[in-house]
PDB file of N, CA and C in Angstrom:
ATOM      1  N   MET A   1       0.844  -1.178   0.000  1.00  0.00           N
ATOM      2  CA  MET A   1       0.000   0.000   0.000  1.00  0.00           C
ATOM      3  C   MET A   1       0.890   1.242   0.000  1.00  0.00           C
ATOM      4  N   GLU A   2       0.668   2.099  -0.962  1.00  0.00           N
ATOM      5  CA  GLU A   2       1.464   3.312  -1.071  1.00  0.00           C
ATOM      6  C   GLU A   2       0.849   4.433  -0.256  1.00  0.00           C
ATOM      7  N   LYS A   3       1.701   5.252   0.282  1.00  0.00           N
ATOM      8  CA  LYS A   3       1.293   6.437   1.025  1.00  0.00           C
ATOM      9  C   LYS A   3       1.709   7.670   0.235  1.00  0.00           C
ATOM     10  N   VAL A   4       0.949   8.725   0.340  1.00  0.00           N
ATOM     11  CA  VAL A   4       1.249   9.976  -0.343  1.00  0.00           C
ATOM     12  C   VAL A   4       1.565  11.019   0.708  1.00  0.00           C
ATOM     13  N   MET A   5       2.635  11.764   0.470  1.00  0.00           N
ATOM     14  CA  MET A   5       3.059  12.803   1.394  1.00  0.00           C
ATOM     15  C   MET A   5       2.905  14.154   0.695  1.00  0.00           C
ATOM     16  N   CYS A   6       2.354  15.114   1.381  1.00  0.00           N
ATOM     17  CA  CYS A   6       2.191  16.456   0.828  1.00  0.00           C
ATOM     18  C   CYS A   6       3.177  17.395   1.506  1.00  0.00           C
ATOM     19  N   ILE A   7       3.838  18.211   0.706  1.00  0.00           N
ATOM     20  CA  ILE A   7       4.803  19.186   1.219  1.00  0.00           C
ATOM     21  C   ILE A   7       4.416  20.546   0.679  1.00  0.00           C
ATOM     22  N   GLU A   8       4.377  21.520   1.564  1.00  0.00           N
ATOM     23  CA  GLU A   8       4.083  22.883   1.123  1.00  0.00           C
ATOM     24  C   GLU A   8       5.257  23.418   0.331  1.00  0.00           C
ATOM     25  N   CYS A   9       4.937  24.133  -0.734  1.00  0.00           N
ATOM     26  CA  CYS A   9       5.982  24.666  -1.602  1.00  0.00           C
ATOM     27  C   CYS A   9       5.550  26.030  -2.119  1.00  0.00           C
ATOM     28  N   PRO A  10       6.274  27.070  -1.736  1.00  0.00           N
ATOM     29  CA  PRO A  10       5.901  28.396  -2.249  1.00  0.00           C
ATOM     30  C   PRO A  10       6.169  28.493  -3.755  1.00  0.00           C
ATOM     31  N   ALA A  11       5.340  29.252  -4.428  1.00  0.00           N
ATOM     32  CA  ALA A  11       5.473  29.423  -5.885  1.00  0.00           C
ATOM     33  C   ALA A  11       6.850  29.979  -6.248  1.00  0.00           C
ATOM     34  N   GLU A  12       7.427  30.798  -5.369  1.00  0.00           N
ATOM     35  CA  GLU A  12       8.739  31.388  -5.644  1.00  0.00           C
ATOM     36  C   GLU A  12       9.819  30.313  -5.787  1.00  0.00           C
ATOM     37  N   LEU A  13       9.666  29.216  -5.045  1.00  0.00           N
ATOM     38  CA  LEU A  13      10.634  28.129  -5.128  1.00  0.00           C
ATOM     39  C   LEU A  13      10.589  27.489  -6.513  1.00  0.00           C
ATOM     40  N   LEU A  14       9.399  27.222  -6.991  1.00  0.00           N
ATOM     41  CA  LEU A  14       9.247  26.647  -8.324  1.00  0.00           C
ATOM     42  C   LEU A  14       9.784  27.590  -9.395  1.00  0.00           C
ATOM     43  N   GLN A  15       9.467  28.849  -9.246  1.00  0.00           N
ATOM     44  CA  GLN A  15       9.938  29.836 -10.216  1.00  0.00           C
ATOM     45  C   GLN A  15      11.457  29.966 -10.176  1.00  0.00           C
ATOM     46  N   GLY A  16      12.016  29.975  -8.970  1.00  0.00           N
ATOM     47  CA  GLY A  16      13.464  30.109  -8.822  1.00  0.00           C
ATOM     48  C   GLY A  16      14.223  28.918  -9.385  1.00  0.00           C
ATOM     49  N   LEU A  17      13.648  27.741  -9.266  1.00  0.00           N
ATOM     50  CA  LEU A  17      14.286  26.533  -9.791  1.00  0.00           C
ATOM     51  C   LEU A  17      13.934  26.278 -11.257  1.00  0.00           C
ATOM     52  N   HIS A  18      12.969  27.019 -11.776  1.00  0.00           N
ATOM     53  CA  HIS A  18      12.492  26.856 -13.156  1.00  0.00           C
ATOM     54  C   HIS A  18      11.989  25.437 -13.412  1.00  0.00           C
ATOM     55  N   VAL A  19      11.174  24.945 -12.471  1.00  0.00           N
ATOM     56  CA  VAL A  19      10.595  23.604 -12.606  1.00  0.00           C
ATOM     57  C   VAL A  19       9.119  23.663 -12.256  1.00  0.00           C
ATOM     58  N   ASN A  20       8.381  22.651 -12.703  1.00  0.00           N
ATOM     59  CA  ASN A  20       6.990  22.540 -12.295  1.00  0.00           C
ATOM     60  C   ASN A  20       6.915  21.664 -11.044  1.00  0.00           C
ATOM     61  N   VAL A  21       5.747  21.531 -10.484  1.00  0.00           N
ATOM     62  CA  VAL A  21       5.599  20.823  -9.223  1.00  0.00           C
ATOM     63  C   VAL A  21       5.945  19.331  -9.369  1.00  0.00           C
ATOM     64  N   GLU A  22       5.646  18.751 -10.525  1.00  0.00           N
ATOM     65  CA  GLU A  22       5.970  17.337 -10.734  1.00  0.00           C
ATOM     66  C   GLU A  22       7.472  17.109 -10.759  1.00  0.00           C
ATOM     67  N   ARG A  23       8.202  17.985 -11.439  1.00  0.00           N
ATOM     68  CA  ARG A  23       9.669  17.862 -11.506  1.00  0.00           C
ATOM     69  C   ARG A  23      10.283  18.081 -10.131  1.00  0.00           C
ATOM     70  N   LEU A  24       9.775  19.041  -9.363  1.00  0.00           N
ATOM     71  CA  LEU A  24      10.297  19.267  -8.014  1.00  0.00           C
ATOM     72  C   LEU A  24      10.051  18.037  -7.143  1.00  0.00           C
ATOM     73  N   ALA A  25       8.903  17.418  -7.283  1.00  0.00           N
ATOM     74  CA  ALA A  25       8.606  16.204  -6.517  1.00  0.00           C
ATOM     75  C   ALA A  25       9.611  15.103  -6.853  1.00  0.00           C
ATOM     76  N   GLU A  26       9.938  14.942  -8.143  1.00  0.00           N
ATOM     77  CA  GLU A  26      10.937  13.949  -8.552  1.00  0.00           C
ATOM     78  C   GLU A  26      12.304  14.264  -7.952  1.00  0.00           C
ATOM     79  N   MET A  27      12.682  15.541  -7.965  1.00  0.00           N
ATOM     80  CA  MET A  27      13.970  15.960  -7.415  1.00  0.00           C
ATOM     81  C   MET A  27      14.047  15.678  -5.917  1.00  0.00           C
ATOM     82  N   VAL A  28      12.993  16.033  -5.199  1.00  0.00           N
ATOM     83  CA  VAL A  28      12.964  15.840  -3.749  1.00  0.00           C
ATOM     84  C   VAL A  28      12.991  14.344  -3.416  1.00  0.00           C
ATOM     85  N   LYS A  29      12.264  13.551  -4.169  1.00  0.00           N
ATOM     86  CA  LYS A  29      12.222  12.111  -3.931  1.00  0.00           C
ATOM     87  C   LYS A  29      13.603  11.490  -4.143  1.00  0.00           C
ATOM     88  N   LEU A  30      14.298  11.869  -5.214  1.00  0.00           N
ATOM     89  CA  LEU A  30      15.638  11.353  -5.465  1.00  0.00           C
ATOM     90  C   LEU A  30      16.609  11.774  -4.363  1.00  0.00           C
ATOM     91  N   GLU A  31      16.569  13.042  -3.993  1.00  0.00           N
ATOM     92  CA  GLU A  31      17.467  13.534  -2.947  1.00  0.00           C
ATOM     93  C   GLU A  31      17.189  12.842  -1.612  1.00  0.00           C
ATOM     94  N   ALA A  32      15.919  12.617  -1.305  1.00  0.00           N
ATOM     95  CA  ALA A  32      15.558  11.930  -0.062  1.00  0.00           C
ATOM     96  C   ALA A  32      16.060  10.496  -0.081  1.00  0.00           C
ATOM     97  N   ALA A  33      15.891   9.807  -1.200  1.00  0.00           N
ATOM     98  CA  ALA A  33      16.350   8.420  -1.305  1.00  0.00           C
ATOM     99  C   ALA A  33      17.860   8.338  -1.128  1.00  0.00           C
ATOM    100  N   ILE A  34      18.589   9.240  -1.771  1.00  0.00           N
ATOM    101  CA  ILE A  34      20.052   9.238  -1.644  1.00  0.00           C
ATOM    102  C   ILE A  34      20.467   9.562  -0.220  1.00  0.00           C
ATOM    103  N   ALA A  35      19.820  10.537   0.401  1.00  0.00           N
ATOM    104  CA  ALA A  35      20.158  10.896   1.784  1.00  0.00           C
ATOM    105  C   ALA A  35      19.888   9.736   2.744  1.00  0.00           C
ATOM    106  N   LEU A  36      18.763   9.076   2.597  1.00  0.00           N
ATOM    107  CA  LEU A  36      18.440   7.938   3.466  1.00  0.00           C
ATOM    108  C   LEU A  36      19.405   6.773   3.234  1.00  0.00           C
ATOM    109  N   PHE A  37      19.808   6.563   1.988  1.00  0.00           N
ATOM    110  CA  PHE A  37      20.784   5.524   1.671  1.00  0.00           C
ATOM    111  C   PHE A  37      22.140   5.856   2.295  1.00  0.00           C
ATOM    112  N   ARG A  38      22.569   7.106   2.166  1.00  0.00           N
ATOM    113  CA  ARG A  38      23.868   7.526   2.724  1.00  0.00           C
ATOM    114  C   ARG A  38      23.902   7.372   4.231  1.00  0.00           C
ATOM    115  N   LYS A  39      22.769   7.625   4.879  1.00  0.00           N
ATOM    116  CA  LYS A  39      22.697   7.475   6.347  1.00  0.00           C
ATOM    117  C   LYS A  39      22.617   6.019   6.761  1.00  0.00           C
ATOM    118  N   GLY A  40      22.331   5.138   5.820  1.00  0.00           N
ATOM    119  CA  GLY A  40      22.173   3.728   6.144  1.00  0.00           C
ATOM    120  C   GLY A  40      20.767   3.375   6.595  1.00  0.00           C
ATOM    121  N   SER A  41      19.830   4.290   6.409  1.00  0.00           N
ATOM    122  CA  SER A  41      18.447   4.053   6.824  1.00  0.00           C
ATOM    123  C   SER A  41      17.704   3.121   5.877  1.00  0.00           C
ATOM    124  N   ILE A  42      18.061   3.159   4.587  1.00  0.00           N
ATOM    125  CA  ILE A  42      17.449   2.251   3.615  1.00  0.00           C
ATOM    126  C   ILE A  42      18.557   1.659   2.751  1.00  0.00           C
ATOM    127  N   SER A  43      18.277   0.516   2.160  1.00  0.00           N
ATOM    128  CA  SER A  43      19.242  -0.137   1.270  1.00  0.00           C
ATOM    129  C   SER A  43      19.154   0.479  -0.127  1.00  0.00           C
ATOM    130  N   SER A  44      20.169   0.206  -0.924  1.00  0.00           N
ATOM    131  CA  SER A  44      20.139   0.693  -2.305  1.00  0.00           C
ATOM    132  C   SER A  44      19.000   0.035  -3.077  1.00  0.00           C
ATOM    133  N   GLY A  45      18.701  -1.215  -2.756  1.00  0.00           N
ATOM    134  CA  GLY A  45      17.591  -1.899  -3.419  1.00  0.00           C
ATOM    135  C   GLY A  45      16.251  -1.258  -3.099  1.00  0.00           C
ATOM    136  N   MET A  46      16.058  -0.917  -1.835  1.00  0.00           N
ATOM    137  CA  MET A  46      14.802  -0.267  -1.442  1.00  0.00           C
ATOM    138  C   MET A  46      14.689   1.106  -2.103  1.00  0.00           C
ATOM    139  N   ALA A  47      15.791   1.853  -2.126  1.00  0.00           N
ATOM    140  CA  ALA A  47      15.777   3.172  -2.755  1.00  0.00           C
ATOM    141  C   ALA A  47      15.456   3.045  -4.240  1.00  0.00           C
ATOM    142  N   ALA A  48      16.060   2.074  -4.903  1.00  0.00           N
ATOM    143  CA  ALA A  48      15.815   1.884  -6.338  1.00  0.00           C
ATOM    144  C   ALA A  48      14.362   1.509  -6.607  1.00  0.00           C
ATOM    145  N   ARG A  49      13.807   0.637  -5.773  1.00  0.00           N
ATOM    146  CA  ARG A  49      12.391   0.267  -5.949  1.00  0.00           C
ATOM    147  C   ARG A  49      11.496   1.477  -5.741  1.00  0.00           C
ATOM    148  N   TRP A  50      11.791   2.292  -4.721  1.00  0.00           N
ATOM    149  CA  TRP A  50      11.010   3.493  -4.446  1.00  0.00           C
ATOM    150  C   TRP A  50      11.044   4.438  -5.646  1.00  0.00           C
ATOM    151  N   LEU A  51      12.209   4.557  -6.270  1.00  0.00           N
ATOM    152  CA  LEU A  51      12.367   5.464  -7.404  1.00  0.00           C
ATOM    153  C   LEU A  51      12.001   4.818  -8.738  1.00  0.00           C
ATOM    154  N   ASP A  52      11.669   3.533  -8.705  1.00  0.00           N
ATOM    155  CA  ASP A  52      11.298   2.785  -9.904  1.00  0.00           C
ATOM    156  C   ASP A  52      12.408   2.840 -10.958  1.00  0.00           C
ATOM    157  N   MET A  53      13.624   2.497 -10.509  1.00  0.00           N
ATOM    158  CA  MET A  53      14.764   2.456 -11.426  1.00  0.00           C
ATOM    159  C   MET A  53      15.624   1.252 -11.087  1.00  0.00           C
ATOM    160  N   PRO A  54      16.457   0.817 -11.998  1.00  0.00           N
ATOM    161  CA  PRO A  54      17.357  -0.294 -11.687  1.00  0.00           C
ATOM    162  C   PRO A  54      18.308   0.086 -10.549  1.00  0.00           C
ATOM    163  N   ARG A  55      18.654  -0.895  -9.741  1.00  0.00           N
ATOM    164  CA  ARG A  55      19.532  -0.650  -8.598  1.00  0.00           C
ATOM    165  C   ARG A  55      20.874  -0.064  -9.031  1.00  0.00           C
ATOM    166  N   ALA A  56      21.415  -0.573 -10.124  1.00  0.00           N
ATOM    167  CA  ALA A  56      22.699  -0.058 -10.613  1.00  0.00           C
ATOM    168  C   ALA A  56      22.596   1.420 -10.980  1.00  0.00           C
ATOM    169  N   ALA A  57      21.494   1.823 -11.578  1.00  0.00           N
ATOM    170  CA  ALA A  57      21.297   3.236 -11.932  1.00  0.00           C
ATOM    171  C   ALA A  57      21.219   4.099 -10.677  1.00  0.00           C
ATOM    172  N   PHE A  58      20.512   3.596  -9.638  1.00  0.00           N
ATOM    173  CA  PHE A  58      20.448   4.351  -8.388  1.00  0.00           C
ATOM    174  C   PHE A  58      21.837   4.485  -7.778  1.00  0.00           C
ATOM    175  N   LEU A  59      22.585   3.390  -7.737  1.00  0.00           N
ATOM    176  CA  LEU A  59      23.928   3.436  -7.148  1.00  0.00           C
ATOM    177  C   LEU A  59      24.814   4.419  -7.896  1.00  0.00           C
ATOM    178  N   PHE A  60      24.707   4.463  -9.209  1.00  0.00           N
ATOM    179  CA  PHE A  60      25.495   5.396  -9.999  1.00  0.00           C
ATOM    180  C   PHE A  60      25.141   6.834  -9.626  1.00  0.00           C
ATOM    181  N   LYS A  61      23.844   7.138  -9.520  1.00  0.00           N
ATOM    182  CA  LYS A  61      23.409   8.491  -9.134  1.00  0.00           C
ATOM    183  C   LYS A  61      23.883   8.834  -7.724  1.00  0.00           C
ATOM    184  N   ALA A  62      23.779   7.872  -6.806  1.00  0.00           N
ATOM    185  CA  ALA A  62      24.205   8.110  -5.426  1.00  0.00           C
ATOM    186  C   ALA A  62      25.707   8.365  -5.355  1.00  0.00           C
ATOM    187  N   MET A  63      26.479   7.588  -6.107  1.00  0.00           N
ATOM    188  CA  MET A  63      27.933   7.782  -6.112  1.00  0.00           C
ATOM    189  C   MET A  63      28.303   9.120  -6.735  1.00  0.00           C
ATOM    190  N   GLU A  64      27.551   9.560  -7.740  1.00  0.00           N
ATOM    191  CA  GLU A  64      27.801  10.878  -8.342  1.00  0.00           C
ATOM    192  C   GLU A  64      27.652  11.982  -7.307  1.00  0.00           C
ATOM    193  N   GLN A  65      26.799  11.742  -6.303  1.00  0.00           N
ATOM    194  CA  GLN A  65      26.573  12.733  -5.254  1.00  0.00           C
ATOM    195  C   GLN A  65      27.396  12.448  -4.006  1.00  0.00           C
ATOM    196  N   GLY A  66      28.384  11.568  -4.123  1.00  0.00           N
ATOM    197  CA  GLY A  66      29.323  11.363  -3.021  1.00  0.00           C
ATOM    198  C   GLY A  66      29.009  10.229  -2.073  1.00  0.00           C
ATOM    199  N   ALA A  67      28.012   9.430  -2.367  1.00  0.00           N
ATOM    200  CA  ALA A  67      27.697   8.306  -1.488  1.00  0.00           C
ATOM    201  C   ALA A  67      28.788   7.252  -1.613  1.00  0.00           C
ATOM    202  N   ALA A  68      29.152   6.671  -0.482  1.00  0.00           N
ATOM    203  CA  ALA A  68      30.138   5.594  -0.480  1.00  0.00           C
ATOM    204  C   ALA A  68      29.410   4.290  -0.755  1.00  0.00           C
ATOM    205  N   LEU A  69      29.906   3.569  -1.731  1.00  0.00           N
ATOM    206  CA  LEU A  69      29.263   2.314  -2.099  1.00  0.00           C
ATOM    207  C   LEU A  69      29.620   1.213  -1.118  1.00  0.00           C
ATOM    208  N   LEU A  70      30.871   1.153  -0.734  1.00  0.00           N
ATOM    209  CA  LEU A  70      31.343   0.088   0.146  1.00  0.00           C
ATOM    210  C   LEU A  70      31.837   0.664   1.465  1.00  0.00           C
ATOM    211  N   GLU A  71      31.677  -0.112   2.513  1.00  0.00           N
ATOM    212  CA  GLU A  71      32.171   0.291   3.827  1.00  0.00           C
ATOM    213  C   GLU A  71      33.467  -0.433   4.160  1.00  0.00           C
ATOM    214  N   ASP A  72      34.198  -0.830   3.138  1.00  0.00           N
ATOM    215  CA  ASP A  72      35.494  -1.461   3.311  1.00  0.00           C
ATOM    216  C   ASP A  72      35.418  -2.816   4.004  1.00  0.00           C
ATOM    217  N   SER A  73      34.372  -3.553   3.720  1.00  0.00           N
ATOM    218  CA  SER A  73      34.274  -4.902   4.283  1.00  0.00           C
ATOM    219  C   SER A  73      34.178  -5.902   3.138  1.00  0.00           C
ATOM    220  N   SER A  74      34.622  -7.122   3.391  1.00  0.00           N
ATOM    221  CA  SER A  74      34.573  -8.144   2.342  1.00  0.00           C
ATOM    222  C   SER A  74      33.131  -8.500   1.993  1.00  0.00           C
ATOM    223  N   ASP A  75      32.220  -8.433   2.968  1.00  0.00           N
ATOM    224  CA  ASP A  75      30.806  -8.706   2.677  1.00  0.00           C
ATOM    225  C   ASP A  75      30.248  -7.680   1.691  1.00  0.00           C
ATOM    226  N   ASP A  76      30.537  -6.405   1.948  1.00  0.00           N
ATOM    227  CA  ASP A  76      30.089  -5.352   1.028  1.00  0.00           C
ATOM    228  C   ASP A  76      30.684  -5.567  -0.352  1.00  0.00           C
ATOM    229  N   PHE A  77      31.958  -5.886  -0.401  1.00  0.00           N
ATOM    230  CA  PHE A  77      32.619  -6.078  -1.687  1.00  0.00           C
ATOM    231  C   PHE A  77      31.970  -7.206  -2.479  1.00  0.00           C
ATOM    232  N   ARG A  78      31.730  -8.342  -1.843  1.00  0.00           N
ATOM    233  CA  ARG A  78      31.113  -9.485  -2.530  1.00  0.00           C
ATOM    234  C   ARG A  78      29.692  -9.158  -2.983  1.00  0.00           C
ATOM    235  N   ARG A  79      28.948  -8.427  -2.163  1.00  0.00           N
ATOM    236  CA  ARG A  79      27.560  -8.116  -2.492  1.00  0.00           C
ATOM    237  C   ARG A  79      27.464  -7.075  -3.605  1.00  0.00           C
ATOM    238  N   GLU A  80      28.310  -6.070  -3.593  1.00  0.00           N
ATOM    239  CA  GLU A  80      28.157  -4.934  -4.496  1.00  0.00           C
ATOM    240  C   GLU A  80      28.948  -5.050  -5.793  1.00  0.00           C
ATOM    241  N   THR A  81      29.996  -5.832  -5.838  1.00  0.00           N
ATOM    242  CA  THR A  81      30.827  -5.894  -7.037  1.00  0.00           C
ATOM    243  C   THR A  81      30.048  -6.278  -8.287  1.00  0.00           C
ATOM    244  N   PRO A  82      29.217  -7.324  -8.277  1.00  0.00           N
ATOM    245  CA  PRO A  82      28.466  -7.644  -9.506  1.00  0.00           C
ATOM    246  C   PRO A  82      27.577  -6.485  -9.962  1.00  0.00           C
ATOM    247  N   CYS A  83      26.971  -5.794  -9.031  1.00  0.00           N
ATOM    248  CA  CYS A  83      26.095  -4.670  -9.370  1.00  0.00           C
ATOM    249  C   CYS A  83      26.908  -3.539  -9.999  1.00  0.00           C
ATOM    250  N   CYS A  84      28.073  -3.245  -9.428  1.00  0.00           N
ATOM    251  CA  CYS A  84      28.915  -2.165  -9.962  1.00  0.00           C
ATOM    252  C   CYS A  84      29.400  -2.496 -11.364  1.00  0.00           C
ATOM    253  N   CYS A  85      29.794  -3.745 -11.567  1.00  0.00           N
ATOM    254  CA  CYS A  85      30.263  -4.158 -12.889  1.00  0.00           C
ATOM    255  C   CYS A  85      29.148  -3.988 -13.912  1.00  0.00           C
ATOM    256  N   ASP A  86      27.941  -4.394 -13.557  1.00  0.00           N
ATOM    257  CA  ASP A  86      26.798  -4.230 -14.461  1.00  0.00           C
ATOM    258  C   ASP A  86      26.564  -2.759 -14.767  1.00  0.00           C
ATOM    259  N   CYS A  87      26.652  -1.930 -13.726  1.00  0.00           N
ATOM    260  CA  CYS A  87      26.417  -0.489 -13.883  1.00  0.00           C
ATOM    261  C   CYS A  87      27.456   0.115 -14.821  1.00  0.00           C
ATOM    262  N   LEU A  88      28.728  -0.233 -14.618  1.00  0.00           N
ATOM    263  CA  LEU A  88      29.779   0.313 -15.465  1.00  0.00           C
ATOM    264  C   LEU A  88      29.641  -0.171 -16.902  1.00  0.00           C
ATOM    265  N   LEU A  89      29.306  -1.433 -17.084  1.00  0.00           N
ATOM    266  CA  LEU A  89      29.126  -1.951 -18.437  1.00  0.00           C
ATOM    267  C   LEU A  89      27.971  -1.249 -19.141  1.00  0.00           C
ATOM    268  N   GLN A  90      26.865  -1.028 -18.423  1.00  0.00           N
ATOM    269  CA  GLN A  90      25.720  -0.333 -19.015  1.00  0.00           C
ATOM    270  C   GLN A  90      26.088   1.103 -19.351  1.00  0.00           C
ATOM    271  N   HIS A  91      26.805   1.760 -18.436  1.00  0.00           N
ATOM    272  CA  HIS A  91      27.200   3.153 -18.632  1.00  0.00           C
ATOM    273  C   HIS A  91      28.105   3.283 -19.859  1.00  0.00           C
ATOM    274  N   HIS A  92      29.101   2.407 -19.973  1.00  0.00           N
ATOM    275  CA  HIS A  92      30.019   2.476 -21.112  1.00  0.00           C
ATOM    276  C   HIS A  92      29.334   2.101 -22.415  1.00  0.00           C
ATOM    277  N   ALA A  93      28.381   1.182 -22.372  1.00  0.00           N
ATOM    278  CA  ALA A  93      27.662   0.805 -23.588  1.00  0.00           C
ATOM    279  C   ALA A  93      26.857   1.982 -24.113  1.00  0.00           C
ATOM    280  N   VAL A  94      26.323   2.799 -23.217  1.00  0.00           N
ATOM    281  CA  VAL A  94      25.508   3.947 -23.615  1.00  0.00           C
ATOM    282  C   VAL A  94      26.376   5.119 -24.041  1.00  0.00           C
ATOM    283  N   HIS A  95      27.523   5.325 -23.342  1.00  0.00           N
ATOM    284  CA  HIS A  95      28.318   6.532 -23.545  1.00  0.00           C
ATOM    285  C   HIS A  95      29.594   6.310 -24.361  1.00  0.00           C
ATOM    286  N   ARG A  96      29.806   5.109 -24.834  1.00  0.00           N
ATOM    287  CA  ARG A  96      31.028   4.831 -25.587  1.00  0.00           C
ATOM    288  C   ARG A  96      30.925   5.443 -26.979  1.00  0.00           C
ATOM    289  N   PRO A  97      31.947   6.205 -27.374  1.00  0.00           N
ATOM    290  CA  PRO A  97      31.916   6.769 -28.725  1.00  0.00           C
ATOM    291  C   PRO A  97      32.105   5.667 -29.762  1.00  0.00           C
ATOM    292  N   VAL A  98      31.485   5.840 -30.877  1.00  0.00           N
ATOM    293  CA  VAL A  98      31.600   4.879 -31.962  1.00  0.00           C
ATOM    294  C   VAL A  98      32.723   5.344 -32.883  1.00  0.00           C
ATOM    295  N   VAL A  99      33.675   4.459 -33.144  1.00  0.00           N
ATOM    296  CA  VAL A  99      34.796   4.778 -34.016  1.00  0.00           C
ATOM    297  C   VAL A  99      34.618   4.020 -35.316  1.00  0.00           C
ATOM    298  N   HIS A 100      34.661   4.732 -36.407  1.00  0.00           N
ATOM    299  CA  HIS A 100      34.538   4.124 -37.722  1.00  0.00           C
ATOM    300  C   HIS A 100      35.909   4.216 -38.407  1.00  0.00           C
ATOM    301  N   TRP A 101      36.371   3.096 -38.885  1.00  0.00           N
ATOM    302  CA  TRP A 101      37.652   3.056 -39.593  1.00  0.00           C
ATOM    303  C   TRP A 101      37.360   3.025 -41.083  1.00  0.00           C
ATOM    304  N   SER A 102      38.066   3.810 -41.814  1.00  0.00           N
ATOM    305  CA  SER A 102      37.906   3.758 -43.266  1.00  0.00           C
ATOM    306  C   SER A 102      39.196   3.220 -43.870  1.00  0.00           C
ATOM    307  N   THR A 103      39.047   2.458 -44.920  1.00  0.00           N
ATOM    308  CA  THR A 103      40.227   1.875 -45.559  1.00  0.00           C
ATOM    309  C   THR A 103      40.428   2.410 -46.942  1.00  0.00           C
TER     310      THR A 103
END
C-alpha cells in the first residue's frame, strides 16, 4: 500500500528553480532516497524500488553525489561488485563513442 506525502511549496521556489511541481517532486524524492541511503536508513535496493529504477542506476546516481558504495568490508565487496560491474558496463555501452575506420 502506497502512502502519499504532501509538502508545502511556495510558488517562488518553483519559479526560482524553473521547474513545475511534478519535476520538483521527482527531485525531492531522489534527494531523499540518496540521503536515506547515505545514512544507512534504507538499502540501495529499497531506494531503487522506491524510485522505480534499476539498482545499478540508483547506485550510480548516489555515487555521483558522493555516497560511499562500500564500507570497506569483504561482505560489502562481494555483495556490491556484480552490481557495480553491471552499472559500469551499461554506462560504457551507452556513452562509448563509436569509431569508424575507413580503408
